C-alpha cells in the first residue's frame, strides 16, 4: 500500500511539473492561416461575384511576468487578394465590370495576456494586443458597356458590340493602420517545451484614416476565422 501511495504521489508531481508555466520563462509562437472564399450576390439583372484569397502569418516572443501573466512583442504579415466582377443588365445592354484588389501589410505589435490552466497540459489564454503598420493597396479594373442587338434578321443571330463608356484604371495607395484586438486561445503542451495552440477569434477594432475616422469593429468566434500555431518554451 505504501509503495502504491508513493508511486501515485510521484506520478502526480511529475504530471504537474510536466507543463507547468513558471515566472521568467520565454514562449516563442508561430502561427498562420490561409482562406479561399467565393461569394455571389444580387439578382438576375444585377449580378456581383467576389473571389478572395487571404494569407496571415505571425510570430511572437512573450515573457512570463508571473505564473499566469505574460507580455511580449510580435510581427504579423497579412496579404489579401480579391477578384470582383459585376454585371448590370439594362434593357438591351449590359455593363460588365471587373476589379482586382490586393492588400498587404507588415504589422509590429505589443501585447499582454493571461494563461488559465484547465489541466496540467491544457491552458485557456486571452491576449490584448495593439498593432500599427502601413497598409499598401493596389487595384486595377475594367468596365465595358456592351450593346446586344439583332445583326441578321434572316437567321436571327445575336451580336454583341462594345459601345461608348469603356474604361480601365490602375491605382495604388498607402494608409496608416492602427489596430486593437482581444483574442482567445487554447494552448496544449505536448512535451515540456513544445505545444500547439488554436486561436478562437475575438474582438477587433481597426482604424485606417485618423482624419476621416475610417474605422471598423468586428466580433467573431466563427471557426472560419480560427488560426493554428505552434509554441516553444525556453
C-alpha atoms as a PDB file:
ATOM      1  CA  UNK A   1       0.000   0.000   0.000  1.00  0.00           C
ATOM      2  CA  UNK A   2       2.863   2.325   0.905  1.00  0.00           C
ATOM      3  CA  UNK A   3       4.558   1.606  -2.439  1.00  0.00           C
ATOM      4  CA  UNK A   4       1.315   2.315  -4.337  1.00  0.00           C
ATOM      5  CA  UNK A   5       0.857   5.620  -2.476  1.00  0.00           C
ATOM      6  CA  UNK A   6       4.463   6.629  -3.156  1.00  0.00           C
ATOM      7  CA  UNK A   7       4.121   5.785  -6.851  1.00  0.00           C
ATOM      8  CA  UNK A   8       0.851   7.699  -7.140  1.00  0.00           C
ATOM      9  CA  UNK A   9       2.370  10.776  -5.488  1.00  0.00           C
ATOM     10  CA  UNK A  10       5.423  10.648  -7.753  1.00  0.00           C
ATOM     11  CA  UNK A  11       3.299  10.365 -10.893  1.00  0.00           C
ATOM     12  CA  UNK A  12       1.062  13.235  -9.726  1.00  0.00           C
ATOM     13  CA  UNK A  13       4.030  15.533  -9.083  1.00  0.00           C
ATOM     14  CA  UNK A  14       5.663  14.626 -12.393  1.00  0.00           C
ATOM     15  CA  UNK A  15       2.380  15.224 -14.225  1.00  0.00           C
ATOM     16  CA  UNK A  16       2.063  18.715 -12.780  1.00  0.00           C
ATOM     17  CA  UNK A  17       5.692  19.607 -13.437  1.00  0.00           C
ATOM     18  CA  UNK A  18       5.450  18.321 -16.998  1.00  0.00           C
ATOM     19  CA  UNK A  19       3.995  21.510 -18.459  1.00  0.00           C
ATOM     20  CA  UNK A  20       3.809  23.936 -15.570  1.00  0.00           C
ATOM     21  CA  UNK A  21       4.374  27.518 -16.702  1.00  0.00           C
ATOM     22  CA  UNK A  22       6.749  29.444 -14.487  1.00  0.00           C
ATOM     23  CA  UNK A  23       7.712  33.045 -13.984  1.00  0.00           C
ATOM     24  CA  UNK A  24      10.747  34.048 -16.058  1.00  0.00           C
ATOM     25  CA  UNK A  25      10.081  31.593 -18.912  1.00  0.00           C
ATOM     26  CA  UNK A  26      10.074  32.661 -22.574  1.00  0.00           C
ATOM     27  CA  UNK A  27       7.473  31.472 -25.070  1.00  0.00           C
ATOM     28  CA  UNK A  28       8.065  31.594 -28.841  1.00  0.00           C
ATOM     29  CA  UNK A  29       4.932  31.354 -31.020  1.00  0.00           C
ATOM     30  CA  UNK A  30       4.460  30.933 -34.774  1.00  0.00           C
ATOM     31  CA  UNK A  31       1.047  30.825 -36.447  1.00  0.00           C
ATOM     32  CA  UNK A  32      -0.574  31.019 -39.858  1.00  0.00           C
ATOM     33  CA  UNK A  33      -3.840  30.804 -41.723  1.00  0.00           C
ATOM     34  CA  UNK A  34      -4.929  30.639 -45.373  1.00  0.00           C
ATOM     35  CA  UNK A  35      -8.501  31.104 -46.560  1.00  0.00           C
ATOM     36  CA  UNK A  36     -10.075  30.977 -50.007  1.00  0.00           C
ATOM     37  CA  UNK A  37     -13.649  32.166 -50.469  1.00  0.00           C
ATOM     38  CA  UNK A  38     -16.192  32.765 -53.215  1.00  0.00           C
ATOM     39  CA  UNK A  39     -19.414  34.731 -52.888  1.00  0.00           C
ATOM     40  CA  UNK A  40     -22.176  35.640 -55.327  1.00  0.00           C
ATOM     41  CA  UNK A  41     -24.860  38.236 -54.566  1.00  0.00           C
ATOM     42  CA  UNK A  42     -27.511  40.251 -56.362  1.00  0.00           C
ATOM     43  CA  UNK A  43     -30.385  39.442 -58.691  1.00  0.00           C
ATOM     44  CA  UNK A  44     -30.686  38.213 -62.267  1.00  0.00           C
ATOM     45  CA  UNK A  45     -30.316  41.751 -63.662  1.00  0.00           C
ATOM     46  CA  UNK A  46     -27.588  42.839 -61.234  1.00  0.00           C
ATOM     47  CA  UNK A  47     -25.073  40.050 -60.509  1.00  0.00           C
ATOM     48  CA  UNK A  48     -21.991  40.513 -58.301  1.00  0.00           C
ATOM     49  CA  UNK A  49     -19.295  37.928 -57.598  1.00  0.00           C
ATOM     50  CA  UNK A  50     -16.221  38.076 -55.345  1.00  0.00           C
ATOM     51  CA  UNK A  51     -13.427  35.512 -55.076  1.00  0.00           C
ATOM     52  CA  UNK A  52     -10.894  36.086 -52.316  1.00  0.00           C
ATOM     53  CA  UNK A  53      -7.610  34.627 -51.093  1.00  0.00           C
ATOM     54  CA  UNK A  54      -6.339  35.592 -47.632  1.00  0.00           C
ATOM     55  CA  UNK A  55      -2.991  34.759 -46.017  1.00  0.00           C
ATOM     56  CA  UNK A  56      -1.971  35.501 -42.409  1.00  0.00           C
ATOM     57  CA  UNK A  57       1.435  34.733 -40.880  1.00  0.00           C
ATOM     58  CA  UNK A  58       2.677  35.698 -37.436  1.00  0.00           C
ATOM     59  CA  UNK A  59       5.494  35.242 -34.935  1.00  0.00           C
ATOM     60  CA  UNK A  60       5.878  36.473 -31.369  1.00  0.00           C
ATOM     61  CA  UNK A  61       8.021  36.212 -28.248  1.00  0.00           C
ATOM     62  CA  UNK A  62       6.458  36.541 -24.811  1.00  0.00           C
ATOM     63  CA  UNK A  63       7.844  36.620 -21.270  1.00  0.00           C
ATOM     64  CA  UNK A  64       6.058  35.257 -18.204  1.00  0.00           C
ATOM     65  CA  UNK A  65       5.885  38.075 -15.668  1.00  0.00           C
ATOM     66  CA  UNK A  66       4.200  35.663 -13.241  1.00  0.00           C
ATOM     67  CA  UNK A  67       2.937  32.087 -13.490  1.00  0.00           C
ATOM     68  CA  UNK A  68      -0.127  33.442 -15.336  1.00  0.00           C
ATOM     69  CA  UNK A  69       0.606  36.870 -16.863  1.00  0.00           C
ATOM     70  CA  UNK A  70       2.698  37.405 -19.998  1.00  0.00           C
ATOM     71  CA  UNK A  71       3.926  40.376 -22.018  1.00  0.00           C
ATOM     72  CA  UNK A  72       5.592  40.363 -25.399  1.00  0.00           C
ATOM     73  CA  UNK A  73       6.143  41.615 -28.935  1.00  0.00           C
ATOM     74  CA  UNK A  74       5.200  40.160 -32.296  1.00  0.00           C
ATOM     75  CA  UNK A  75       5.219  40.668 -36.041  1.00  0.00           C
ATOM     76  CA  UNK A  76       2.344  39.777 -38.388  1.00  0.00           C
ATOM     77  CA  UNK A  77       2.144  39.711 -42.168  1.00  0.00           C
ATOM     78  CA  UNK A  78      -1.227  39.909 -43.923  1.00  0.00           C
ATOM     79  CA  UNK A  79      -1.867  39.523 -47.641  1.00  0.00           C
ATOM     80  CA  UNK A  80      -5.232  39.668 -49.401  1.00  0.00           C
ATOM     81  CA  UNK A  81      -6.325  39.343 -52.999  1.00  0.00           C
ATOM     82  CA  UNK A  82      -9.895  39.791 -54.179  1.00  0.00           C
ATOM     83  CA  UNK A  83     -11.233  39.497 -57.708  1.00  0.00           C
ATOM     84  CA  UNK A  84     -14.579  41.214 -58.063  1.00  0.00           C
ATOM     85  CA  UNK A  85     -16.918  41.181 -61.039  1.00  0.00           C
ATOM     86  CA  UNK A  86     -20.373  42.584 -61.660  1.00  0.00           C
ATOM     87  CA  UNK A  87     -22.887  42.570 -64.496  1.00  0.00           C
ATOM     88  CA  UNK A  88     -25.717  45.098 -64.710  1.00  0.00           C
ATOM     89  CA  UNK A  89     -28.399  44.438 -67.339  1.00  0.00           C
ATOM     90  CA  UNK A  90     -30.299  47.489 -68.614  1.00  0.00           C
ATOM     91  CA  UNK A  91     -32.779  46.889 -71.438  1.00  0.00           C
ATOM     92  CA  UNK A  92     -30.732  45.599 -74.416  1.00  0.00           C
ATOM     93  CA  UNK A  93     -27.303  46.469 -72.967  1.00  0.00           C
ATOM     94  CA  UNK A  94     -25.173  45.170 -70.118  1.00  0.00           C
ATOM     95  CA  UNK A  95     -22.363  46.799 -68.135  1.00  0.00           C
ATOM     96  CA  UNK A  96     -19.540  44.362 -67.243  1.00  0.00           C
ATOM     97  CA  UNK A  97     -17.011  45.469 -64.616  1.00  0.00           C
ATOM     98  CA  UNK A  98     -14.035  43.583 -63.157  1.00  0.00           C
ATOM     99  CA  UNK A  99     -11.711  44.697 -60.341  1.00  0.00           C
ATOM    100  CA  UNK A 100      -8.630  43.083 -58.787  1.00  0.00           C
ATOM    101  CA  UNK A 101      -7.788  44.324 -55.287  1.00  0.00           C
ATOM    102  CA  UNK A 102      -4.524  43.479 -53.474  1.00  0.00           C
ATOM    103  CA  UNK A 103      -3.672  44.412 -49.878  1.00  0.00           C
ATOM    104  CA  UNK A 104      -0.564  43.627 -47.855  1.00  0.00           C
ATOM    105  CA  UNK A 105       0.764  44.892 -44.547  1.00  0.00           C
ATOM    106  CA  UNK A 106       3.561  44.178 -42.071  1.00  0.00           C
ATOM    107  CA  UNK A 107       2.289  44.707 -38.515  1.00  0.00           C
ATOM    108  CA  UNK A 108       4.574  45.034 -35.485  1.00  0.00           C
ATOM    109  CA  UNK A 109       2.595  44.606 -32.258  1.00  0.00           C
ATOM    110  CA  UNK A 110       2.822  44.527 -28.469  1.00  0.00           C
ATOM    111  CA  UNK A 111       0.556  42.515 -26.170  1.00  0.00           C
ATOM    112  CA  UNK A 112      -0.242  41.301 -22.685  1.00  0.00           C
ATOM    113  CA  UNK A 113      -2.005  38.046 -21.875  1.00  0.00           C
ATOM    114  CA  UNK A 114      -3.288  35.750 -19.176  1.00  0.00           C
ATOM    115  CA  UNK A 115      -2.970  31.937 -19.042  1.00  0.00           C
ATOM    116  CA  UNK A 116      -5.596  29.963 -17.138  1.00  0.00           C
ATOM    117  CA  UNK A 117      -4.790  26.258 -16.549  1.00  0.00           C
ATOM    118  CA  UNK A 118      -7.575  23.805 -17.405  1.00  0.00           C
ATOM    119  CA  UNK A 119      -5.323  20.782 -16.867  1.00  0.00           C
ATOM    120  CA  UNK A 120      -1.578  20.478 -16.379  1.00  0.00           C
ATOM    121  CA  UNK A 121      -1.147  20.461 -20.172  1.00  0.00           C
ATOM    122  CA  UNK A 122      -4.098  22.478 -21.430  1.00  0.00           C
ATOM    123  CA  UNK A 123      -4.432  26.243 -20.984  1.00  0.00           C
ATOM    124  CA  UNK A 124      -7.038  28.805 -21.959  1.00  0.00           C
ATOM    125  CA  UNK A 125      -5.406  32.171 -22.608  1.00  0.00           C
ATOM    126  CA  UNK A 126      -6.580  35.651 -23.575  1.00  0.00           C
ATOM    127  CA  UNK A 127      -4.354  38.274 -25.206  1.00  0.00           C
ATOM    128  CA  UNK A 128      -4.896  42.024 -25.624  1.00  0.00           C
ATOM    129  CA  UNK A 129      -2.803  43.452 -28.455  1.00  0.00           C
ATOM    130  CA  UNK A 130      -2.126  46.783 -30.165  1.00  0.00           C
ATOM    131  CA  UNK A 131      -0.540  46.974 -33.633  1.00  0.00           C
ATOM    132  CA  UNK A 132       0.489  49.590 -36.165  1.00  0.00           C
ATOM    133  CA  UNK A 133       1.681  49.443 -39.767  1.00  0.00           C
ATOM    134  CA  UNK A 134       1.359  50.767 -43.312  1.00  0.00           C
ATOM    135  CA  UNK A 135      -1.391  49.191 -45.420  1.00  0.00           C
ATOM    136  CA  UNK A 136      -0.440  49.005 -49.108  1.00  0.00           C
ATOM    137  CA  UNK A 137      -3.286  48.691 -51.604  1.00  0.00           C
ATOM    138  CA  UNK A 138      -3.221  48.111 -55.357  1.00  0.00           C
ATOM    139  CA  UNK A 139      -6.289  47.815 -57.515  1.00  0.00           C
ATOM    140  CA  UNK A 140      -6.960  47.702 -61.228  1.00  0.00           C
ATOM    141  CA  UNK A 141     -10.045  47.053 -63.241  1.00  0.00           C
ATOM    142  CA  UNK A 142     -12.020  47.484 -66.398  1.00  0.00           C
ATOM    143  CA  UNK A 143     -15.611  48.263 -67.276  1.00  0.00           C
ATOM    144  CA  UNK A 144     -17.205  47.503 -70.625  1.00  0.00           C
ATOM    145  CA  UNK A 145     -20.627  48.611 -71.802  1.00  0.00           C
ATOM    146  CA  UNK A 146     -21.961  46.022 -74.251  1.00  0.00           C
ATOM    147  CA  UNK A 147     -24.977  46.518 -76.531  1.00  0.00           C
ATOM    148  CA  UNK A 148     -26.987  43.496 -77.655  1.00  0.00           C
ATOM    149  CA  UNK A 149     -28.900  43.773 -80.962  1.00  0.00           C
ATOM    150  CA  UNK A 150     -30.172  41.735 -83.894  1.00  0.00           C
ATOM    151  CA  UNK A 151     -27.429  41.770 -86.535  1.00  0.00           C
ATOM    152  CA  UNK A 152     -29.000  39.469 -89.138  1.00  0.00           C
ATOM    153  CA  UNK A 153     -32.771  39.376 -89.473  1.00  0.00           C
ATOM    154  CA  UNK A 154     -32.669  36.262 -91.703  1.00  0.00           C
ATOM    155  CA  UNK A 155     -31.233  33.780 -89.182  1.00  0.00           C
ATOM    156  CA  UNK A 156     -31.939  35.972 -86.144  1.00  0.00           C
ATOM    157  CA  UNK A 157     -28.368  35.826 -84.797  1.00  0.00           C
ATOM    158  CA  UNK A 158     -27.485  37.973 -81.822  1.00  0.00           C
ATOM    159  CA  UNK A 159     -24.359  40.118 -81.959  1.00  0.00           C
ATOM    160  CA  UNK A 160     -22.697  41.938 -79.043  1.00  0.00           C
ATOM    161  CA  UNK A 161     -20.591  45.046 -79.670  1.00  0.00           C
ATOM    162  CA  UNK A 162     -18.929  47.404 -77.194  1.00  0.00           C
ATOM    163  CA  UNK A 163     -20.337  50.930 -77.098  1.00  0.00           C
ATOM    164  CA  UNK A 164     -19.087  54.175 -75.624  1.00  0.00           C
ATOM    165  CA  UNK A 165     -18.260  54.126 -71.924  1.00  0.00           C
ATOM    166  CA  UNK A 166     -15.390  51.618 -71.802  1.00  0.00           C
ATOM    167  CA  UNK A 167     -12.654  52.479 -69.325  1.00  0.00           C
ATOM    168  CA  UNK A 168      -9.828  50.930 -67.329  1.00  0.00           C
ATOM    169  CA  UNK A 169      -7.965  52.041 -64.190  1.00  0.00           C
ATOM    170  CA  UNK A 170      -4.852  51.123 -62.234  1.00  0.00           C
ATOM    171  CA  UNK A 171      -4.145  52.758 -58.870  1.00  0.00           C
ATOM    172  CA  UNK A 172      -2.193  52.225 -55.666  1.00  0.00           C
ATOM    173  CA  UNK A 173      -2.449  53.675 -52.178  1.00  0.00           C
ATOM    174  CA  UNK A 174      -0.768  53.549 -48.774  1.00  0.00           C
ATOM    175  CA  UNK A 175      -2.538  54.181 -45.459  1.00  0.00           C
ATOM    176  CA  UNK A 176      -1.737  54.135 -41.758  1.00  0.00           C
ATOM    177  CA  UNK A 177      -3.268  51.165 -39.959  1.00  0.00           C
ATOM    178  CA  UNK A 178      -3.877  51.025 -36.215  1.00  0.00           C
ATOM    179  CA  UNK A 179      -5.486  48.012 -34.584  1.00  0.00           C
ATOM    180  CA  UNK A 180      -6.590  46.785 -31.165  1.00  0.00           C
ATOM    181  CA  UNK A 181      -7.823  43.261 -30.592  1.00  0.00           C
ATOM    182  CA  UNK A 182      -8.649  40.863 -27.777  1.00  0.00           C
ATOM    183  CA  UNK A 183      -8.206  37.238 -28.810  1.00  0.00           C
ATOM    184  CA  UNK A 184      -8.879  33.925 -27.043  1.00  0.00           C
ATOM    185  CA  UNK A 185      -6.754  30.796 -27.495  1.00  0.00           C
ATOM    186  CA  UNK A 186      -6.358  27.202 -26.364  1.00  0.00           C
ATOM    187  CA  UNK A 187      -2.786  26.002 -25.785  1.00  0.00           C
ATOM    188  CA  UNK A 188      -1.836  22.348 -25.319  1.00  0.00           C
ATOM    189  CA  UNK A 189       1.719  21.320 -24.372  1.00  0.00           C
ATOM    190  CA  UNK A 190       2.696  18.008 -25.964  1.00  0.00           C
ATOM    191  CA  UNK A 191       6.096  17.988 -24.276  1.00  0.00           C
ATOM    192  CA  UNK A 192       7.548  20.192 -21.506  1.00  0.00           C
ATOM    193  CA  UNK A 193       8.812  22.600 -24.181  1.00  0.00           C
ATOM    194  CA  UNK A 194       6.668  22.129 -27.291  1.00  0.00           C
ATOM    195  CA  UNK A 195       2.981  22.952 -27.639  1.00  0.00           C
ATOM    196  CA  UNK A 196       0.167  23.622 -30.105  1.00  0.00           C
ATOM    197  CA  UNK A 197      -2.420  26.348 -29.926  1.00  0.00           C
ATOM    198  CA  UNK A 198      -5.692  27.247 -31.589  1.00  0.00           C
ATOM    199  CA  UNK A 199      -6.878  30.831 -31.991  1.00  0.00           C
ATOM    200  CA  UNK A 200     -10.621  31.000 -31.324  1.00  0.00           C
ATOM    201  CA  UNK A 201     -11.331  34.539 -32.551  1.00  0.00           C
ATOM    202  CA  UNK A 202     -12.336  37.565 -30.516  1.00  0.00           C
ATOM    203  CA  UNK A 203     -12.963  41.309 -30.753  1.00  0.00           C
ATOM    204  CA  UNK A 204     -11.005  43.584 -33.092  1.00  0.00           C
ATOM    205  CA  UNK A 205     -11.025  47.306 -33.839  1.00  0.00           C
ATOM    206  CA  UNK A 206      -9.115  48.891 -36.735  1.00  0.00           C
ATOM    207  CA  UNK A 207      -8.571  52.496 -37.815  1.00  0.00           C
ATOM    208  CA  UNK A 208      -7.357  53.328 -41.335  1.00  0.00           C
ATOM    209  CA  UNK A 209      -7.650  57.092 -41.543  1.00  0.00           C
ATOM    210  CA  UNK A 210      -7.166  59.324 -38.486  1.00  0.00           C
ATOM    211  CA  UNK A 211      -8.685  62.407 -40.158  1.00  0.00           C
ATOM    212  CA  UNK A 212     -11.879  60.848 -41.547  1.00  0.00           C
ATOM    213  CA  UNK A 213     -12.236  58.254 -38.767  1.00  0.00           C
ATOM    214  CA  UNK A 214     -12.398  55.374 -41.254  1.00  0.00           C
ATOM    215  CA  UNK A 215     -12.710  52.596 -38.681  1.00  0.00           C
ATOM    216  CA  UNK A 216     -14.356  49.211 -38.216  1.00  0.00           C
ATOM    217  CA  UNK A 217     -15.146  46.873 -35.330  1.00  0.00           C
ATOM    218  CA  UNK A 218     -15.711  43.118 -35.601  1.00  0.00           C
ATOM    219  CA  UNK A 219     -16.716  40.432 -33.128  1.00  0.00           C
ATOM    220  CA  UNK A 220     -16.265  36.901 -34.455  1.00  0.00           C
ATOM    221  CA  UNK A 221     -15.728  33.469 -32.948  1.00  0.00           C
ATOM    222  CA  UNK A 222     -16.583  31.565 -36.136  1.00  0.00           C
ATOM    223  CA  UNK A 223     -14.384  28.563 -36.997  1.00  0.00           C
ATOM    224  CA  UNK A 224     -13.663  30.173 -40.381  1.00  0.00           C
ATOM    225  CA  UNK A 225     -11.667  32.838 -38.508  1.00  0.00           C
ATOM    226  CA  UNK A 226      -9.684  30.441 -36.298  1.00  0.00           C
ATOM    227  CA  UNK A 227      -5.941  30.077 -36.754  1.00  0.00           C
ATOM    228  CA  UNK A 228      -3.435  27.394 -35.819  1.00  0.00           C
ATOM    229  CA  UNK A 229       0.083  27.740 -34.411  1.00  0.00           C
ATOM    230  CA  UNK A 230       2.964  26.142 -32.535  1.00  0.00           C
ATOM    231  CA  UNK A 231       4.759  27.240 -29.376  1.00  0.00           C
ATOM    232  CA  UNK A 232       8.182  26.552 -27.953  1.00  0.00           C
ATOM    233  CA  UNK A 233       9.028  27.289 -24.319  1.00  0.00           C
ATOM    234  CA  UNK A 234      12.519  28.359 -23.311  1.00  0.00           C
END
